[in-house]
Structures are given as structure tokens and as C-alpha cells.
C-alpha atoms as a PDB file:
ATOM      1  CA  MET A   1     -53.525  -1.432 -15.487  1.00  0.00           C
ATOM      2  CA  LEU A   2     -55.338  -1.453 -12.034  1.00  0.00           C
ATOM      3  CA  SER A   3     -57.159  -4.942 -12.647  1.00  0.00           C
ATOM      4  CA  GLY A   4     -56.582  -8.184 -11.330  1.00  0.00           C
ATOM      5  CA  ILE A   5     -54.885  -9.103  -8.004  1.00  0.00           C
ATOM      6  CA  HIS A   6     -51.707  -6.837  -7.284  1.00  0.00           C
ATOM      7  CA  VAL A   7     -49.396  -8.656  -4.292  1.00  0.00           C
ATOM      8  CA  PRO A   8     -47.797  -6.103  -1.957  1.00  0.00           C
ATOM      9  CA  LEU A   9     -44.431  -7.650  -1.872  1.00  0.00           C
ATOM     10  CA  ILE A  10     -43.241  -8.836   1.696  1.00  0.00           C
ATOM     11  CA  THR A  11     -39.383  -7.722   1.912  1.00  0.00           C
ATOM     12  CA  PRO A  12     -37.663 -11.118   2.997  1.00  0.00           C
ATOM     13  CA  PHE A  13     -34.692 -10.759   5.402  1.00  0.00           C
ATOM     14  CA  THR A  14     -31.184 -12.502   5.805  1.00  0.00           C
ATOM     15  CA  SER A  15     -29.955 -14.640   8.780  1.00  0.00           C
ATOM     16  CA  THR A  16     -28.094 -11.637   9.156  1.00  0.00           C
ATOM     17  CA  GLY A  17     -31.051  -9.049   9.167  1.00  0.00           C
ATOM     18  CA  GLU A  18     -29.929  -7.552   5.696  1.00  0.00           C
ATOM     19  CA  VAL A  19     -33.009  -7.041   2.624  1.00  0.00           C
ATOM     20  CA  ALA A  20     -32.229 -10.387   1.290  1.00  0.00           C
ATOM     21  CA  VAL A  21     -32.807  -9.218  -2.494  1.00  0.00           C
ATOM     22  CA  ASP A  22     -31.915 -12.745  -4.302  1.00  0.00           C
ATOM     23  CA  ALA A  23     -35.440 -13.576  -2.383  1.00  0.00           C
ATOM     24  CA  VAL A  24     -37.256 -10.705  -3.176  1.00  0.00           C
ATOM     25  CA  GLU A  25     -36.828 -10.798  -7.245  1.00  0.00           C
ATOM     26  CA  LYS A  26     -37.375 -14.892  -6.532  1.00  0.00           C
ATOM     27  CA  LEU A  27     -40.824 -13.847  -4.850  1.00  0.00           C
ATOM     28  CA  ALA A  28     -41.713 -11.314  -7.133  1.00  0.00           C
ATOM     29  CA  GLY A  29     -41.498 -14.029  -9.807  1.00  0.00           C
ATOM     30  CA  HIS A  30     -43.627 -16.295  -8.272  1.00  0.00           C
ATOM     31  CA  VAL A  31     -45.949 -14.383  -7.467  1.00  0.00           C
ATOM     32  CA  LEU A  32     -46.468 -12.937 -10.900  1.00  0.00           C
ATOM     33  CA  ASP A  33     -45.904 -16.594 -11.927  1.00  0.00           C
ATOM     34  CA  GLN A  34     -49.040 -17.766 -10.379  1.00  0.00           C
ATOM     35  CA  GLY A  35     -51.103 -15.551 -11.560  1.00  0.00           C
ATOM     36  CA  ALA A  36     -51.009 -11.621 -10.318  1.00  0.00           C
ATOM     37  CA  SER A  37     -51.289  -9.264 -12.018  1.00  0.00           C
ATOM     38  CA  GLY A  38     -48.808  -6.674 -10.439  1.00  0.00           C
ATOM     39  CA  LEU A  39     -46.926  -5.550  -7.689  1.00  0.00           C
ATOM     40  CA  VAL A  40     -46.455  -3.536  -5.372  1.00  0.00           C
ATOM     41  CA  ALA A  41     -43.716  -1.819  -3.693  1.00  0.00           C
ATOM     42  CA  LEU A  42     -43.096  -0.509  -0.574  1.00  0.00           C
ATOM     43  CA  GLY A  43     -46.511  -0.718   1.057  1.00  0.00           C
ATOM     44  CA  THR A  44     -47.166  -1.302   4.342  1.00  0.00           C
ATOM     45  CA  THR A  45     -46.894  -5.519   4.044  1.00  0.00           C
ATOM     46  CA  ALA A  46     -43.266  -4.415   3.311  1.00  0.00           C
ATOM     47  CA  GLU A  47     -42.590  -3.189   6.687  1.00  0.00           C
ATOM     48  CA  VAL A  48     -41.515  -0.065   4.540  1.00  0.00           C
ATOM     49  CA  ALA A  49     -41.155   1.930   8.087  1.00  0.00           C
ATOM     50  CA  ALA A  50     -38.382  -0.418   9.015  1.00  0.00           C
ATOM     51  CA  LEU A  51     -36.380  -0.285   6.259  1.00  0.00           C
ATOM     52  CA  SER A  52     -33.604   1.977   5.249  1.00  0.00           C
ATOM     53  CA  PRO A  53     -34.036   4.678   1.983  1.00  0.00           C
ATOM     54  CA  ALA A  54     -30.995   2.177   0.519  1.00  0.00           C
ATOM     55  CA  GLU A  55     -32.758  -0.463   1.117  1.00  0.00           C
ATOM     56  CA  ARG A  56     -36.245   0.972  -0.005  1.00  0.00           C
ATOM     57  CA  GLY A  57     -34.323   1.892  -3.210  1.00  0.00           C
ATOM     58  CA  GLN A  58     -32.885  -2.110  -3.741  1.00  0.00           C
ATOM     59  CA  VAL A  59     -36.006  -3.220  -3.498  1.00  0.00           C
ATOM     60  CA  ILE A  60     -37.583  -0.632  -5.895  1.00  0.00           C
ATOM     61  CA  GLU A  61     -34.887  -1.707  -8.555  1.00  0.00           C
ATOM     62  CA  VAL A  62     -35.769  -5.482  -8.410  1.00  0.00           C
ATOM     63  CA  CYS A  63     -39.476  -4.928  -8.263  1.00  0.00           C
ATOM     64  CA  ALA A  64     -39.252  -2.983 -11.686  1.00  0.00           C
ATOM     65  CA  ARG A  65     -36.846  -5.459 -13.509  1.00  0.00           C
ATOM     66  CA  VAL A  66     -38.736  -8.475 -12.780  1.00  0.00           C
ATOM     67  CA  CYS A  67     -42.261  -6.032 -13.638  1.00  0.00           C
ATOM     68  CA  GLY A  68     -40.705  -4.899 -16.619  1.00  0.00           C
ATOM     69  CA  GLU A  69     -39.269  -8.320 -18.389  1.00  0.00           C
ATOM     70  CA  ARG A  70     -42.747  -9.304 -17.145  1.00  0.00           C
ATOM     71  CA  GLY A  71     -44.691  -6.405 -18.959  1.00  0.00           C
ATOM     72  CA  VAL A  72     -46.983  -5.961 -15.739  1.00  0.00           C
ATOM     73  CA  PRO A  73     -47.463  -2.535 -14.014  1.00  0.00           C
ATOM     74  CA  LEU A  74     -45.331  -1.972 -10.439  1.00  0.00           C
ATOM     75  CA  THR A  75     -47.402   0.716  -8.159  1.00  0.00           C
ATOM     76  CA  VAL A  76     -44.994   2.073  -5.088  1.00  0.00           C
ATOM     77  CA  GLY A  77     -45.953   2.617  -1.966  1.00  0.00           C
ATOM     78  CA  VAL A  78     -45.213   6.479  -0.537  1.00  0.00           C
ATOM     79  CA  THR A  79     -45.480   7.334   2.969  1.00  0.00           C
ATOM     80  CA  GLY A  80     -45.491  10.168   4.860  1.00  0.00           C
ATOM     81  CA  ASN A  81     -48.672  12.872   5.705  1.00  0.00           C
ATOM     82  CA  ASP A  82     -47.511  16.339   4.654  1.00  0.00           C
ATOM     83  CA  THR A  83     -48.093  17.175   1.031  1.00  0.00           C
ATOM     84  CA  ARG A  84     -45.032  18.327   0.756  1.00  0.00           C
ATOM     85  CA  GLY A  85     -42.821  15.685   1.370  1.00  0.00           C
ATOM     86  CA  ALA A  86     -45.044  13.094  -0.750  1.00  0.00           C
ATOM     87  CA  ALA A  87     -44.733  15.612  -3.402  1.00  0.00           C
ATOM     88  CA  GLU A  88     -40.871  15.179  -3.229  1.00  0.00           C
ATOM     89  CA  ALA A  89     -41.354  11.385  -3.364  1.00  0.00           C
ATOM     90  CA  LEU A  90     -42.988  11.051  -6.225  1.00  0.00           C
ATOM     91  CA  LYS A  91     -40.498  13.316  -8.285  1.00  0.00           C
ATOM     92  CA  GLU A  92     -38.136  11.022  -7.206  1.00  0.00           C
ATOM     93  CA  LEU A  93     -39.419   7.561  -8.204  1.00  0.00           C
ATOM     94  CA  PRO A  94     -37.358   5.931 -10.557  1.00  0.00           C
ATOM     95  CA  GLU A  95     -37.925   4.614 -14.092  1.00  0.00           C
ATOM     96  CA  GLY A  96     -40.454   1.474 -14.450  1.00  0.00           C
ATOM     97  CA  VAL A  97     -43.018   2.675 -11.279  1.00  0.00           C
ATOM     98  CA  ALA A  98     -46.369   2.602 -13.126  1.00  0.00           C
ATOM     99  CA  ALA A  99     -48.173   3.930 -10.108  1.00  0.00           C
ATOM    100  CA  ALA A 100     -48.070   5.162  -6.600  1.00  0.00           C
ATOM    101  CA  LEU A 101     -50.355   4.013  -4.155  1.00  0.00           C
ATOM    102  CA  VAL A 102     -50.837   7.080  -1.152  1.00  0.00           C
ATOM    103  CA  THR A 103     -52.012   6.635   1.740  1.00  0.00           C
ATOM    104  CA  VAL A 104     -54.422   9.227   2.566  1.00  0.00           C
ATOM    105  CA  PRO A 105     -52.813  11.882   5.394  1.00  0.00           C
ATOM    106  CA  TYR A 106     -52.807  10.007   8.804  1.00  0.00           C
ATOM    107  CA  PHE A 107     -52.671  11.138  12.380  1.00  0.00           C
ATOM    108  CA  LEU A 108     -53.412  14.673  11.603  1.00  0.00           C
ATOM    109  CA  ARG A 109     -56.984  14.078  10.698  1.00  0.00           C
ATOM    110  CA  PRO A 110     -56.842  17.138   8.105  1.00  0.00           C
ATOM    111  CA  GLY A 111     -60.962  16.588   7.310  1.00  0.00           C
ATOM    112  CA  GLU A 112     -62.670  15.644   3.935  1.00  0.00           C
ATOM    113  CA  ARG A 113     -61.659  19.036   1.732  1.00  0.00           C
ATOM    114  CA  GLY A 114     -57.962  18.953   3.327  1.00  0.00           C
ATOM    115  CA  VAL A 115     -57.721  15.303   2.222  1.00  0.00           C
ATOM    116  CA  VAL A 116     -59.101  16.671  -1.529  1.00  0.00           C
ATOM    117  CA  ALA A 117     -56.461  19.311  -1.474  1.00  0.00           C
ATOM    118  CA  HIS A 118     -53.626  16.857  -0.911  1.00  0.00           C
ATOM    119  CA  PHE A 119     -54.478  14.695  -3.672  1.00  0.00           C
ATOM    120  CA  GLU A 120     -54.980  17.575  -6.012  1.00  0.00           C
ATOM    121  CA  ALA A 121     -51.896  18.815  -5.045  1.00  0.00           C
ATOM    122  CA  LEU A 122     -49.907  16.104  -5.699  1.00  0.00           C
ATOM    123  CA  ALA A 123     -52.082  14.816  -8.645  1.00  0.00           C
ATOM    124  CA  GLU A 124     -50.737  18.323 -10.357  1.00  0.00           C
ATOM    125  CA  GLU A 125     -46.934  17.089  -9.897  1.00  0.00           C
ATOM    126  CA  THR A 126     -46.719  13.564  -9.884  1.00  0.00           C
ATOM    127  CA  PRO A 127     -44.936  11.549 -12.925  1.00  0.00           C
ATOM    128  CA  VAL A 128     -47.264   8.637 -12.587  1.00  0.00           C
ATOM    129  CA  PRO A 129     -50.655   7.716 -11.393  1.00  0.00           C
ATOM    130  CA  LEU A 130     -51.701   8.043  -7.876  1.00  0.00           C
ATOM    131  CA  VAL A 131     -54.132   5.173  -6.124  1.00  0.00           C
ATOM    132  CA  ILE A 132     -55.829   6.588  -3.312  1.00  0.00           C
ATOM    133  CA  TYR A 133     -55.341   4.403  -0.282  1.00  0.00           C
ATOM    134  CA  HIS A 134     -58.178   4.905   1.935  1.00  0.00           C
ATOM    135  CA  ILE A 135     -57.551   3.078   5.067  1.00  0.00           C
ATOM    136  CA  PRO A 136     -59.037   4.702   7.868  1.00  0.00           C
ATOM    137  CA  TYR A 137     -58.759   2.474  10.593  1.00  0.00           C
ATOM    138  CA  ARG A 138     -55.388   3.641  10.588  1.00  0.00           C
ATOM    139  CA  THR A 139     -55.393   6.629   9.670  1.00  0.00           C
ATOM    140  CA  GLY A 140     -58.543   8.064  11.519  1.00  0.00           C
ATOM    141  CA  GLN A 141     -59.257  10.006   8.197  1.00  0.00           C
ATOM    142  CA  ALA A 142     -62.922   9.098   7.637  1.00  0.00           C
ATOM    143  CA  VAL A 143     -63.183   9.744   3.297  1.00  0.00           C
ATOM    144  CA  SER A 144     -66.951   9.386   1.896  1.00  0.00           C
ATOM    145  CA  ALA A 145     -67.840   8.416  -1.206  1.00  0.00           C
ATOM    146  CA  ALA A 146     -68.391  11.355  -2.725  1.00  0.00           C
ATOM    147  CA  THR A 147     -65.381  12.485  -1.854  1.00  0.00           C
ATOM    148  CA  LEU A 148     -63.320   9.605  -3.389  1.00  0.00           C
ATOM    149  CA  ARG A 149     -65.620  10.378  -6.597  1.00  0.00           C
ATOM    150  CA  HIS A 150     -64.559  14.295  -6.497  1.00  0.00           C
ATOM    151  CA  VAL A 151     -60.558  13.089  -6.296  1.00  0.00           C
ATOM    152  CA  GLY A 152     -60.620  10.390  -8.679  1.00  0.00           C
ATOM    153  CA  ALA A 153     -62.298  12.770 -11.429  1.00  0.00           C
ATOM    154  CA  HIS A 154     -58.716  13.712 -12.004  1.00  0.00           C
ATOM    155  CA  PRO A 155     -56.818  12.539 -14.929  1.00  0.00           C
ATOM    156  CA  MET A 156     -54.036  11.118 -12.589  1.00  0.00           C
ATOM    157  CA  VAL A 157     -56.423   9.359 -10.534  1.00  0.00           C
ATOM    158  CA  ALA A 158     -56.676   6.038 -11.685  1.00  0.00           C
ATOM    159  CA  GLY A 159     -58.063   4.559  -8.300  1.00  0.00           C
ATOM    160  CA  VAL A 160     -58.343   3.222  -4.732  1.00  0.00           C
ATOM    161  CA  LYS A 161     -57.390   0.582  -2.723  1.00  0.00           C
ATOM    162  CA  TYR A 162     -60.429   0.512  -0.478  1.00  0.00           C
ATOM    163  CA  ALA A 163     -59.845  -1.014   3.073  1.00  0.00           C
ATOM    164  CA  ALA A 164     -62.308   0.308   5.142  1.00  0.00           C
ATOM    165  CA  GLY A 165     -62.279  -2.682   7.403  1.00  0.00           C
ATOM    166  CA  GLY A 166     -65.766  -4.452   5.839  1.00  0.00           C
ATOM    167  CA  ILE A 167     -68.608  -3.261   3.104  1.00  0.00           C
ATOM    168  CA  ASP A 168     -69.750  -0.105   4.125  1.00  0.00           C
ATOM    169  CA  GLN A 169     -72.700   2.420   2.227  1.00  0.00           C
ATOM    170  CA  ASP A 170     -69.636   4.267   0.952  1.00  0.00           C
ATOM    171  CA  ALA A 171     -68.568   1.125  -0.730  1.00  0.00           C
ATOM    172  CA  VAL A 172     -71.687   0.476  -1.670  1.00  0.00           C
ATOM    173  CA  ASP A 173     -71.967   3.949  -3.110  1.00  0.00           C
ATOM    174  CA  LEU A 174     -68.835   4.276  -4.698  1.00  0.00           C
ATOM    175  CA  LEU A 175     -68.955   0.895  -6.784  1.00  0.00           C
ATOM    176  CA  GLY A 176     -72.613   2.304  -7.933  1.00  0.00           C
ATOM    177  CA  ASP A 177     -71.184   5.391  -9.810  1.00  0.00           C
ATOM    178  CA  LEU A 178     -67.561   5.617 -10.712  1.00  0.00           C
ATOM    179  CA  PRO A 179     -66.157   7.989 -12.218  1.00  0.00           C
ATOM    180  CA  ASP A 180     -64.531   7.462 -16.140  1.00  0.00           C
ATOM    181  CA  GLY A 181     -61.152   5.534 -15.926  1.00  0.00           C
ATOM    182  CA  PHE A 182     -60.998   5.651 -11.789  1.00  0.00           C
ATOM    183  CA  GLN A 183     -61.005   1.862 -10.560  1.00  0.00           C
ATOM    184  CA  VAL A 184     -61.499  -0.069  -7.018  1.00  0.00           C
ATOM    185  CA  LEU A 185     -59.242  -2.075  -5.669  1.00  0.00           C
ATOM    186  CA  GLY A 186     -60.599  -4.566  -2.498  1.00  0.00           C
ATOM    187  CA  GLY A 187     -57.738  -4.042   0.124  1.00  0.00           C
ATOM    188  CA  ASP A 188     -59.010  -6.176   3.047  1.00  0.00           C
ATOM    189  CA  ASP A 189     -58.737  -9.469   1.851  1.00  0.00           C
ATOM    190  CA  ALA A 190     -61.310 -11.093   4.253  1.00  0.00           C
ATOM    191  CA  PHE A 191     -64.038  -9.026   2.271  1.00  0.00           C
ATOM    192  CA  VAL A 192     -62.346  -8.894  -1.206  1.00  0.00           C
ATOM    193  CA  SER A 193     -64.968 -11.453  -2.944  1.00  0.00           C
ATOM    194  CA  PRO A 194     -68.048  -9.346  -1.402  1.00  0.00           C
ATOM    195  CA  LEU A 195     -66.376  -6.053  -2.906  1.00  0.00           C
ATOM    196  CA  LEU A 196     -65.945  -7.652  -6.521  1.00  0.00           C
ATOM    197  CA  ALA A 197     -69.463  -9.348  -6.229  1.00  0.00           C
ATOM    198  CA  LEU A 198     -70.043  -5.070  -6.443  1.00  0.00           C
ATOM    199  CA  GLY A 199     -67.914  -4.237  -9.314  1.00  0.00           C
ATOM    200  CA  ALA A 200     -64.079  -4.065  -7.752  1.00  0.00           C
ATOM    201  CA  SER A 201     -61.522  -4.469 -10.661  1.00  0.00           C
ATOM    202  CA  GLY A 202     -59.606  -6.110  -8.262  1.00  0.00           C
ATOM    203  CA  GLY A 203     -57.836  -6.333  -5.086  1.00  0.00           C
ATOM    204  CA  ILE A 204     -54.177  -5.669  -3.396  1.00  0.00           C
ATOM    205  CA  LEU A 205     -53.921  -8.226  -1.346  1.00  0.00           C
ATOM    206  CA  ALA A 206     -51.556  -9.473   1.119  1.00  0.00           C
ATOM    207  CA  SER A 207     -52.860 -13.066   1.406  1.00  0.00           C
ATOM    208  CA  ALA A 208     -51.729 -13.110  -2.078  1.00  0.00           C
ATOM    209  CA  HIS A 209     -48.660 -14.580  -1.640  1.00  0.00           C
ATOM    210  CA  LEU A 210     -50.037 -17.646  -0.969  1.00  0.00           C
ATOM    211  CA  ALA A 211     -52.453 -19.345  -2.980  1.00  0.00           C
ATOM    212  CA  THR A 212     -52.400 -16.298  -6.050  1.00  0.00           C
ATOM    213  CA  ASP A 213     -53.565 -18.247  -8.639  1.00  0.00           C
ATOM    214  CA  ARG A 214     -57.000 -18.740  -6.537  1.00  0.00           C
ATOM    215  CA  PHE A 215     -57.253 -15.299  -5.935  1.00  0.00           C
ATOM    216  CA  ALA A 216     -56.598 -14.620  -9.326  1.00  0.00           C
ATOM    217  CA  GLU A 217     -59.236 -16.961 -10.400  1.00  0.00           C
ATOM    218  CA  LEU A 218     -61.909 -15.317  -8.121  1.00  0.00           C
ATOM    219  CA  VAL A 219     -61.344 -11.955  -9.479  1.00  0.00           C
ATOM    220  CA  ASP A 220     -62.118 -13.862 -13.460  1.00  0.00           C
ATOM    221  CA  ALA A 221     -64.688 -15.353 -11.834  1.00  0.00           C
ATOM    222  CA  TRP A 222     -67.106 -12.465 -10.566  1.00  0.00           C
ATOM    223  CA  HIS A 223     -65.929 -10.829 -13.813  1.00  0.00           C
ATOM    224  CA  ALA A 224     -67.273 -13.598 -15.888  1.00  0.00           C
ATOM    225  CA  GLY A 225     -70.417 -13.312 -13.765  1.00  0.00           C
ATOM    226  CA  ASP A 226     -70.052 -17.266 -12.514  1.00  0.00           C
ATOM    227  CA  VAL A 227     -71.486 -17.011  -8.926  1.00  0.00           C
ATOM    228  CA  VAL A 228     -71.471 -19.988  -8.245  1.00  0.00           C
ATOM    229  CA  ARG A 229     -67.636 -20.044  -8.280  1.00  0.00           C
ATOM    230  CA  ALA A 230     -66.927 -16.841  -7.054  1.00  0.00           C
ATOM    231  CA  ARG A 231     -69.304 -18.091  -3.831  1.00  0.00           C
ATOM    232  CA  THR A 232     -67.226 -20.919  -3.190  1.00  0.00           C
ATOM    233  CA  LEU A 233     -63.819 -19.366  -3.803  1.00  0.00           C
ATOM    234  CA  GLY A 234     -64.419 -16.576  -1.999  1.00  0.00           C
ATOM    235  CA  HIS A 235     -65.579 -18.291   0.949  1.00  0.00           C
ATOM    236  CA  ARG A 236     -62.380 -20.528   1.466  1.00  0.00           C
ATOM    237  CA  LEU A 237     -59.889 -17.420   0.614  1.00  0.00           C
ATOM    238  CA  ALA A 238     -61.760 -15.602   3.594  1.00  0.00           C
ATOM    239  CA  ARG A 239     -60.513 -18.740   5.954  1.00  0.00           C
ATOM    240  CA  LEU A 240     -57.465 -18.227   4.666  1.00  0.00           C
ATOM    241  CA  SER A 241     -56.782 -14.480   4.633  1.00  0.00           C
ATOM    242  CA  ALA A 242     -58.282 -14.975   8.143  1.00  0.00           C
ATOM    243  CA  ALA A 243     -55.986 -17.348   9.494  1.00  0.00           C
ATOM    244  CA  LEU A 244     -52.759 -14.923   7.751  1.00  0.00           C
ATOM    245  CA  PHE A 245     -53.988 -12.324   9.602  1.00  0.00           C
ATOM    246  CA  ALA A 246     -53.996 -14.277  13.173  1.00  0.00           C
ATOM    247  CA  GLU A 247     -51.288 -12.790  13.992  1.00  0.00           C
ATOM    248  CA  PRO A 248     -49.548  -9.047  13.094  1.00  0.00           C
ATOM    249  CA  ASN A 249     -49.191  -8.857   9.162  1.00  0.00           C
ATOM    250  CA  PRO A 250     -47.300  -9.544   7.888  1.00  0.00           C
ATOM    251  CA  THR A 251     -45.698 -12.041  10.360  1.00  0.00           C
ATOM    252  CA  VAL A 252     -47.665 -15.008   9.335  1.00  0.00           C
ATOM    253  CA  ILE A 253     -47.273 -14.593   5.905  1.00  0.00           C
ATOM    254  CA  LYS A 254     -43.852 -14.935   6.416  1.00  0.00           C
ATOM    255  CA  GLY A 255     -43.857 -17.451   8.626  1.00  0.00           C
ATOM    256  CA  VAL A 256     -45.817 -19.962   5.992  1.00  0.00           C
ATOM    257  CA  LEU A 257     -43.643 -18.523   2.798  1.00  0.00           C
ATOM    258  CA  HIS A 258     -40.353 -19.470   4.909  1.00  0.00           C
ATOM    259  CA  ALA A 259     -41.631 -22.996   5.718  1.00  0.00           C
ATOM    260  CA  ARG A 260     -42.590 -23.243   2.167  1.00  0.00           C
ATOM    261  CA  GLY A 261     -38.547 -22.654   1.343  1.00  0.00           C
ATOM    262  CA  LEU A 262     -39.995 -19.050  -0.638  1.00  0.00           C
ATOM    263  CA  ILE A 263     -37.784 -17.279   1.458  1.00  0.00           C
ATOM    264  CA  PRO A 264     -34.976 -17.785   3.788  1.00  0.00           C
ATOM    265  CA  THR A 265     -36.281 -16.422   6.757  1.00  0.00           C
ATOM    266  CA  PRO A 266     -39.547 -15.974   8.800  1.00  0.00           C
ATOM    267  CA  ASP A 267     -37.692 -12.701  10.271  1.00  0.00           C
ATOM    268  CA  VAL A 268     -39.677  -9.369  10.776  1.00  0.00           C
ATOM    269  CA  ARG A 269     -38.377  -6.013  12.127  1.00  0.00           C
ATOM    270  CA  LEU A 270     -39.119  -4.334  15.630  1.00  0.00           C
ATOM    271  CA  PRO A 271     -41.635  -3.559  16.623  1.00  0.00           C
ATOM    272  CA  LEU A 272     -42.787  -6.631  14.770  1.00  0.00           C
ATOM    273  CA  LEU A 273     -42.326  -9.573  16.577  1.00  0.00           C
ATOM    274  CA  PRO A 274     -41.943 -13.327  14.496  1.00  0.00           C
ATOM    275  CA  ALA A 275     -45.541 -15.264  14.036  1.00  0.00           C
ATOM    276  CA  SER A 276     -45.968 -18.115  16.837  1.00  0.00           C
ATOM    277  CA  GLU A 277     -45.468 -21.352  15.431  1.00  0.00           C
ATOM    278  CA  ARG A 278     -49.352 -22.494  16.077  1.00  0.00           C
ATOM    279  CA  ALA A 279     -50.678 -19.524  13.915  1.00  0.00           C
ATOM    280  CA  VAL A 280     -48.318 -20.530  11.027  1.00  0.00           C
ATOM    281  CA  SER A 281     -49.151 -24.335  11.284  1.00  0.00           C
ATOM    282  CA  GLN A 282     -52.668 -23.023  10.913  1.00  0.00           C
ATOM    283  CA  ALA A 283     -52.468 -20.569   8.423  1.00  0.00           C
ATOM    284  CA  ASP A 284     -50.728 -23.664   6.173  1.00  0.00           C
ATOM    285  CA  MET A 285     -53.340 -26.311   7.396  1.00  0.00           C
ATOM    286  CA  VAL A 286     -56.124 -24.000   5.854  1.00  0.00           C
ATOM    287  CA  LEU A 287     -53.824 -23.727   2.909  1.00  0.00           C
ATOM    288  CA  VAL A 288     -53.589 -27.096   2.275  1.00  0.00           C
ATOM    289  CA  HIS A 289     -57.245 -27.831   3.241  1.00  0.00           C
ATOM    290  CA  PRO A 290     -58.968 -24.741   2.050  1.00  0.00           C
ATOM    291  CA  GLY A 291     -62.171 -26.560   2.323  1.00  0.00           C
ATOM    292  CA  GLN A 292     -62.107 -27.436   5.812  1.00  0.00           C
END
């Protein structure tokens, strides 16, 4: 379920500020047709904190329908740093959701014992498998390979989106000894290639809104052992990711998607501001000329 490239879908907006539901459906179908293995709805890239409950429901409904028609998994982001609230959100997930992406409790810094207790409590109540979102530079909470391995042994914990800001010792240790059925997905776009080389099963990558087929090819190349092809693709896609993250995510991605006619506006909601024309044009240039 967690292999390949899963695109954490942005939320396009109309010129009057509403969620562009038709564009959500169009974009979801586009990235899947280009080779994505699944979608993630309501992740950070979706500006989930700026969406109303009704808007979140709209996005899930559309993504679930598109994924169902194509027979691919939909993962839904579940936010919140209190265990009871996260458990309630999990129970409210509708039919058609295959997994839930749940962030390590942020800001509170509950310690690794608290992280274990949090995910073990959720695993006992969730109706769908959990994917841990490990992103310590946003949560403020370190989580060791040993802790991830311990939590990952639970049958309702399917894997981890690993976004530690690089390839650290814990990544090496974790991928060297994974629990049965527990998969690692790269979450830092620029570092996905070396993580795949270490044995990751795929990635949840905002950059894969663009050049989706090339990101899918990268996964296939590493899994096939085609090191020369994988290295070349990895370096080129890392340059693309750097350009797409030159300003706060997902502003540049939205700018390029709009320039290519895939979404109606490049708009984001405050506190984000639209990307500069310079950042959008540079990212589009890297997309067109990946080898330069």
C-alpha cells in the first residue's frame, strides 16, 4: 500500500477564494495518470490549517472518489497534538480512506515515551492503518530509530513518512532493521533518492505534483537496482525540489501548476503569500531543462 510515490495534494482555490473542487478532481486524476501510486489529502501541503471542516470534507470526498475509480490508496492527514482529539478524528474518517498520516505530537515535546504512548493509544482505536509523520524540525520532538521500530511493530502502524531534514544515523539504523510490514516513505523531497538507496519503499513528495512520472521512475530505478539511472534522476529531481521549495511550500508549486493550466489560480491563504514571479519562473525552467 505504501510503495511508490504518493502526492500530498495541494488545495486549489478559485478567484473568489473558495476551494476549486473541480480543480481538485482534475489535479488528482492528472498526477495518478502520470504515475503516482496514491494520494495524500489534507497534508501540510494542502494548507489544511486554513481549511474549514466543510472544505476538508469536500477534499476528502473528491480524492476518495478519484482514488476509488483508479484502485489506488488514499491517505488522509490527521492533525492535532492531543491524543483524544486525534483518536476522534480517526474515527470520523469516511469510507474510501486507506490510511491516516498522523504527525508526531508537535510543540508539546512529550518525550519519546509520550510519543510511544500516543501512537499505541491511537493504534488501538483507529479504523485504518496509521502512517507516522516524523518531522522533528517542525514538531520539536526527536524520535529515534528504536522508538519508530517499537511503534512500527504494532499491526495497525503501516509505516512512517520520514522527514528528518537529511539522511541521519537514525534513518540508516531504521532502514537496516525494519519491523515486518512496516515501510519507510521519504518525506524530504531533496533527499528521497538517497533514502530510496537505503531501502525506503517510496515517498510522499510535494514536488511530485510536477514531473510525477520522473519521480515514479526514480523509485522504480532504485528498486530495480539500476544505480546509474537512479543517481542521474535523483540529482536532477533534487534540483527541481530545491527550486520548488525556494519559497514557503506550496507557494511555488501552486505558481507553476497555475502557469501550466492545471489549477485556476496560484492563490494561497494567509499567513502564506503567493510565490514571487522569479521563483516560479526559475522552478519552471528547471522543470523544462532538468539537466542544466
